[in-house]
């Protein structure tokens, strides 16, 4: 509980995968809705329906790619934080060993 209240342990990395899949599902539903809307536009204007259809396909692809890149950048930030904490812990361990060896001499 102490780790939770004093931010010693990060909770966000455990939620990133869940948030990514929710975002991906929402992007897919949005693209599906846009594709269905494009079919509704075909009777009014074939060209406009075709443009809307291909725009929705491009929106689906770009949405998935940008979402993935965004979540990967968040993961990179947390990996950097984790590696810095490991380095800091190693440095404090080395300092403790030096102090104990100098006090023994």
N, C-alpha and C. Protein backbone atom coordinates (compact mmCIF):
# COMPACT_ATOMS: atom_id res chain seq x y z
N UNK A 1 0.82 -1.19 0.00
CA UNK A 1 0.00 0.00 0.00
C UNK A 1 0.87 1.26 0.00
N UNK A 2 2.03 1.17 0.69
CA UNK A 2 2.94 2.31 0.75
C UNK A 2 3.44 2.67 -0.65
N UNK A 3 3.74 1.65 -1.47
CA UNK A 3 4.20 1.90 -2.83
C UNK A 3 3.16 2.65 -3.64
N UNK A 4 1.89 2.35 -3.41
CA UNK A 4 0.80 2.99 -4.15
C UNK A 4 0.69 4.46 -3.79
N UNK A 5 0.73 4.79 -2.50
CA UNK A 5 0.52 6.16 -2.07
C UNK A 5 1.73 7.06 -2.27
N UNK A 6 2.92 6.49 -2.30
CA UNK A 6 4.12 7.29 -2.46
C UNK A 6 4.76 7.15 -3.83
N UNK A 7 4.04 6.59 -4.80
CA UNK A 7 4.48 6.46 -6.19
C UNK A 7 5.81 5.74 -6.33
N UNK A 8 6.06 4.77 -5.47
CA UNK A 8 7.27 3.96 -5.60
C UNK A 8 7.11 2.91 -6.69
N UNK A 9 5.89 2.54 -6.99
CA UNK A 9 5.62 1.57 -8.05
C UNK A 9 4.64 2.21 -9.03
N UNK A 10 4.94 2.09 -10.31
CA UNK A 10 4.09 2.67 -11.35
C UNK A 10 2.96 1.71 -11.70
N UNK A 11 1.74 2.22 -11.75
CA UNK A 11 0.59 1.41 -12.13
C UNK A 11 0.29 1.48 -13.62
N UNK A 12 0.68 2.56 -14.26
CA UNK A 12 0.34 2.77 -15.66
C UNK A 12 0.82 1.66 -16.58
N UNK A 13 2.05 1.12 -16.43
CA UNK A 13 2.47 0.06 -17.36
C UNK A 13 1.54 -1.14 -17.37
N UNK A 14 0.90 -1.43 -16.26
CA UNK A 14 -0.01 -2.58 -16.25
C UNK A 14 -1.32 -2.28 -16.95
N UNK A 15 -1.67 -1.02 -17.06
CA UNK A 15 -2.91 -0.63 -17.73
C UNK A 15 -2.73 -0.30 -19.21
N UNK A 16 -1.49 -0.18 -19.66
CA UNK A 16 -1.24 0.24 -21.04
C UNK A 16 -1.81 -0.76 -22.04
N UNK A 17 -1.63 -2.04 -21.80
CA UNK A 17 -2.13 -3.05 -22.73
C UNK A 17 -3.64 -3.00 -22.82
N UNK A 18 -4.30 -2.85 -21.69
CA UNK A 18 -5.77 -2.78 -21.68
C UNK A 18 -6.23 -1.53 -22.43
N UNK A 19 -5.59 -0.40 -22.17
CA UNK A 19 -5.96 0.85 -22.84
C UNK A 19 -5.72 0.76 -24.34
N UNK A 20 -4.63 0.09 -24.74
CA UNK A 20 -4.34 -0.06 -26.16
C UNK A 20 -5.44 -0.87 -26.85
N UNK A 21 -5.87 -1.98 -26.25
CA UNK A 21 -6.89 -2.80 -26.88
C UNK A 21 -8.24 -2.08 -26.91
N UNK A 22 -8.55 -1.32 -25.89
CA UNK A 22 -9.80 -0.54 -25.90
C UNK A 22 -9.74 0.50 -27.02
N UNK A 23 -8.62 1.20 -27.14
CA UNK A 23 -8.47 2.20 -28.20
C UNK A 23 -8.55 1.55 -29.58
N UNK A 24 -7.95 0.38 -29.75
CA UNK A 24 -8.00 -0.31 -31.03
C UNK A 24 -9.43 -0.73 -31.39
N UNK A 25 -10.17 -1.22 -30.42
CA UNK A 25 -11.56 -1.60 -30.67
C UNK A 25 -12.39 -0.38 -31.05
N UNK A 26 -12.17 0.74 -30.35
CA UNK A 26 -12.92 1.96 -30.67
C UNK A 26 -12.57 2.48 -32.07
N UNK A 27 -11.31 2.39 -32.44
CA UNK A 27 -10.91 2.80 -33.80
C UNK A 27 -11.58 1.90 -34.83
N UNK A 28 -11.60 0.60 -34.56
CA UNK A 28 -12.25 -0.34 -35.48
C UNK A 28 -13.74 -0.08 -35.61
N UNK A 29 -14.41 0.19 -34.50
CA UNK A 29 -15.85 0.48 -34.54
C UNK A 29 -16.10 1.78 -35.31
N UNK A 30 -15.27 2.78 -35.06
CA UNK A 30 -15.41 4.05 -35.77
C UNK A 30 -15.21 3.87 -37.27
N UNK A 31 -14.20 3.11 -37.66
CA UNK A 31 -13.95 2.88 -39.08
C UNK A 31 -15.09 2.08 -39.71
N UNK A 32 -15.62 1.10 -38.99
CA UNK A 32 -16.76 0.33 -39.50
C UNK A 32 -17.98 1.23 -39.70
N UNK A 33 -18.20 2.12 -38.75
CA UNK A 33 -19.32 3.06 -38.89
C UNK A 33 -19.11 3.99 -40.09
N UNK A 34 -17.88 4.41 -40.31
CA UNK A 34 -17.60 5.28 -41.47
C UNK A 34 -17.79 4.52 -42.77
N UNK A 35 -17.41 3.24 -42.80
CA UNK A 35 -17.60 2.43 -44.01
C UNK A 35 -19.09 2.26 -44.30
N UNK A 36 -19.87 1.99 -43.27
CA UNK A 36 -21.32 1.86 -43.46
C UNK A 36 -21.94 3.17 -43.90
N UNK A 37 -21.46 4.29 -43.36
CA UNK A 37 -21.94 5.60 -43.80
C UNK A 37 -21.58 5.86 -45.26
N UNK A 38 -20.43 5.37 -45.69
CA UNK A 38 -20.04 5.58 -47.09
C UNK A 38 -20.97 4.82 -48.03
N UNK A 39 -21.45 3.64 -47.59
CA UNK A 39 -22.41 2.90 -48.42
C UNK A 39 -23.73 3.66 -48.52
N UNK A 40 -24.08 4.39 -47.47
CA UNK A 40 -25.31 5.19 -47.52
C UNK A 40 -25.16 6.37 -48.46
N UNK A 41 -23.92 6.80 -48.71
CA UNK A 41 -23.70 7.94 -49.61
C UNK A 41 -23.69 7.54 -51.07
N UNK A 42 -23.54 6.27 -51.39
CA UNK A 42 -23.47 5.83 -52.79
C UNK A 42 -24.71 6.19 -53.61
N UNK A 43 -25.93 6.04 -53.09
CA UNK A 43 -27.10 6.40 -53.92
C UNK A 43 -27.16 7.88 -54.29
N UNK A 44 -26.60 8.74 -53.44
CA UNK A 44 -26.64 10.18 -53.72
C UNK A 44 -25.55 10.58 -54.70
N UNK A 45 -24.36 10.06 -54.49
CA UNK A 45 -23.24 10.38 -55.37
C UNK A 45 -22.24 9.23 -55.29
N UNK A 46 -22.05 8.57 -56.42
CA UNK A 46 -21.14 7.43 -56.45
C UNK A 46 -19.72 7.86 -56.09
N UNK A 47 -19.29 8.99 -56.64
CA UNK A 47 -17.93 9.48 -56.39
C UNK A 47 -17.73 9.81 -54.92
N UNK A 48 -18.71 10.48 -54.34
CA UNK A 48 -18.59 10.84 -52.92
C UNK A 48 -18.60 9.59 -52.04
N UNK A 49 -19.40 8.61 -52.37
CA UNK A 49 -19.42 7.37 -51.62
C UNK A 49 -18.09 6.64 -51.72
N UNK A 50 -17.49 6.65 -52.92
CA UNK A 50 -16.20 6.00 -53.12
C UNK A 50 -15.10 6.71 -52.33
N UNK A 51 -15.13 8.04 -52.36
CA UNK A 51 -14.14 8.81 -51.60
C UNK A 51 -14.31 8.54 -50.10
N UNK A 52 -15.55 8.51 -49.63
CA UNK A 52 -15.80 8.25 -48.21
C UNK A 52 -15.36 6.84 -47.83
N UNK A 53 -15.57 5.88 -48.72
CA UNK A 53 -15.16 4.50 -48.44
C UNK A 53 -13.65 4.40 -48.28
N UNK A 54 -12.90 4.95 -49.24
CA UNK A 54 -11.44 4.86 -49.17
C UNK A 54 -10.87 5.71 -48.03
N UNK A 55 -11.53 6.82 -47.73
CA UNK A 55 -11.10 7.64 -46.60
C UNK A 55 -11.26 6.87 -45.29
N UNK A 56 -12.33 6.12 -45.17
CA UNK A 56 -12.55 5.35 -43.94
C UNK A 56 -11.53 4.21 -43.82
N UNK A 57 -11.15 3.60 -44.93
CA UNK A 57 -10.13 2.55 -44.90
C UNK A 57 -8.78 3.15 -44.49
N UNK A 58 -8.44 4.31 -45.06
CA UNK A 58 -7.19 4.98 -44.70
C UNK A 58 -7.23 5.39 -43.23
N UNK A 59 -8.39 5.87 -42.78
CA UNK A 59 -8.56 6.26 -41.37
C UNK A 59 -8.32 5.05 -40.46
N UNK A 60 -8.81 3.89 -40.84
CA UNK A 60 -8.62 2.68 -40.05
C UNK A 60 -7.13 2.34 -39.94
N UNK A 61 -6.44 2.32 -41.05
CA UNK A 61 -5.02 1.95 -41.07
C UNK A 61 -4.17 2.96 -40.30
N UNK A 62 -4.37 4.24 -40.60
CA UNK A 62 -3.58 5.28 -39.94
C UNK A 62 -3.90 5.34 -38.45
N UNK A 63 -5.17 5.13 -38.10
CA UNK A 63 -5.55 5.13 -36.70
C UNK A 63 -4.86 4.04 -35.92
N UNK A 64 -4.83 2.84 -36.48
CA UNK A 64 -4.14 1.74 -35.80
C UNK A 64 -2.64 2.01 -35.66
N UNK A 65 -2.04 2.52 -36.71
CA UNK A 65 -0.59 2.79 -36.67
C UNK A 65 -0.26 3.87 -35.66
N UNK A 66 -1.00 4.99 -35.68
CA UNK A 66 -0.71 6.08 -34.76
C UNK A 66 -0.99 5.69 -33.31
N UNK A 67 -2.03 4.89 -33.10
CA UNK A 67 -2.31 4.42 -31.74
C UNK A 67 -1.17 3.55 -31.24
N UNK A 68 -0.70 2.66 -32.08
CA UNK A 68 0.41 1.79 -31.69
C UNK A 68 1.67 2.60 -31.37
N UNK A 69 1.98 3.58 -32.21
CA UNK A 69 3.16 4.42 -31.99
C UNK A 69 3.02 5.19 -30.68
N UNK A 70 1.85 5.74 -30.43
CA UNK A 70 1.64 6.49 -29.20
C UNK A 70 1.83 5.64 -27.96
N UNK A 71 1.25 4.45 -27.97
CA UNK A 71 1.39 3.57 -26.80
C UNK A 71 2.81 3.04 -26.67
N UNK A 72 3.50 2.83 -27.77
CA UNK A 72 4.90 2.41 -27.69
C UNK A 72 5.76 3.51 -27.09
N UNK A 73 5.48 4.76 -27.42
CA UNK A 73 6.24 5.87 -26.83
C UNK A 73 6.02 5.94 -25.32
N UNK A 74 4.80 5.68 -24.88
CA UNK A 74 4.53 5.66 -23.45
C UNK A 74 5.33 4.52 -22.80
N UNK A 75 5.35 3.35 -23.45
CA UNK A 75 6.12 2.22 -22.92
C UNK A 75 7.61 2.54 -22.85
N UNK A 76 8.12 3.24 -23.85
CA UNK A 76 9.54 3.60 -23.87
C UNK A 76 9.85 4.50 -22.68
N UNK A 77 8.98 5.44 -22.38
CA UNK A 77 9.21 6.32 -21.24
C UNK A 77 9.27 5.53 -19.93
N UNK A 78 8.38 4.57 -19.78
CA UNK A 78 8.40 3.77 -18.56
C UNK A 78 9.60 2.84 -18.51
N UNK A 79 10.05 2.34 -19.67
CA UNK A 79 11.27 1.53 -19.70
C UNK A 79 12.50 2.35 -19.33
N UNK A 80 12.53 3.60 -19.79
CA UNK A 80 13.64 4.49 -19.43
C UNK A 80 13.64 4.71 -17.92
N UNK A 81 12.47 4.97 -17.37
CA UNK A 81 12.36 5.17 -15.92
C UNK A 81 12.82 3.93 -15.17
N UNK A 82 12.42 2.77 -15.62
CA UNK A 82 12.81 1.51 -14.97
C UNK A 82 14.32 1.32 -15.02
N UNK A 83 14.92 1.58 -16.18
CA UNK A 83 16.37 1.41 -16.32
C UNK A 83 17.14 2.41 -15.47
N UNK A 84 16.64 3.63 -15.36
CA UNK A 84 17.30 4.63 -14.52
C UNK A 84 17.22 4.21 -13.05
N UNK A 85 16.08 3.67 -12.65
CA UNK A 85 15.97 3.19 -11.26
C UNK A 85 16.94 2.04 -10.99
N UNK A 86 17.10 1.13 -11.97
CA UNK A 86 18.07 0.04 -11.80
C UNK A 86 19.48 0.58 -11.66
N UNK A 87 19.84 1.57 -12.48
CA UNK A 87 21.17 2.16 -12.39
C UNK A 87 21.38 2.85 -11.04
N UNK A 88 20.36 3.54 -10.57
CA UNK A 88 20.47 4.21 -9.28
C UNK A 88 20.63 3.20 -8.16
N UNK A 89 19.90 2.09 -8.23
CA UNK A 89 20.03 1.05 -7.20
C UNK A 89 21.41 0.40 -7.24
N UNK A 90 21.94 0.17 -8.44
CA UNK A 90 23.28 -0.40 -8.56
C UNK A 90 24.32 0.55 -7.99
N UNK A 91 24.16 1.85 -8.23
CA UNK A 91 25.12 2.83 -7.71
C UNK A 91 25.08 2.88 -6.19
N UNK A 92 23.88 2.83 -5.62
CA UNK A 92 23.81 2.85 -4.15
C UNK A 92 24.38 1.57 -3.56
N UNK A 93 24.20 0.43 -4.24
CA UNK A 93 24.79 -0.82 -3.77
C UNK A 93 26.31 -0.75 -3.81
N UNK A 94 26.86 -0.16 -4.89
CA UNK A 94 28.31 -0.02 -5.00
C UNK A 94 28.84 0.91 -3.92
N UNK A 95 28.11 1.99 -3.64
CA UNK A 95 28.55 2.93 -2.60
C UNK A 95 28.53 2.26 -1.23
N UNK A 96 27.53 1.43 -0.95
CA UNK A 96 27.46 0.73 0.32
C UNK A 96 28.62 -0.25 0.47
N UNK A 97 28.96 -0.92 -0.64
CA UNK A 97 30.07 -1.87 -0.60
C UNK A 97 31.38 -1.13 -0.36
N UNK A 98 31.55 0.04 -0.99
CA UNK A 98 32.78 0.82 -0.81
C UNK A 98 32.89 1.30 0.64
N UNK A 99 31.76 1.74 1.20
CA UNK A 99 31.77 2.22 2.58
C UNK A 99 32.12 1.09 3.54
N UNK A 100 31.53 -0.09 3.30
CA UNK A 100 31.82 -1.20 4.20
C UNK A 100 33.26 -1.68 4.06
N UNK A 101 33.80 -1.65 2.85
CA UNK A 101 35.18 -2.08 2.67
C UNK A 101 36.16 -1.04 3.24
N UNK A 102 35.82 0.24 3.16
CA UNK A 102 36.72 1.27 3.71
C UNK A 102 36.65 1.29 5.24
N UNK A 103 35.51 0.96 5.81
CA UNK A 103 35.40 0.93 7.28
C UNK A 103 36.08 -0.32 7.85
N UNK A 104 36.17 -1.38 7.06
CA UNK A 104 36.85 -2.61 7.51
C UNK A 104 38.37 -2.45 7.48
N UNK A 105 38.88 -1.52 6.69
CA UNK A 105 40.34 -1.35 6.55
C UNK A 105 40.95 -0.60 7.66
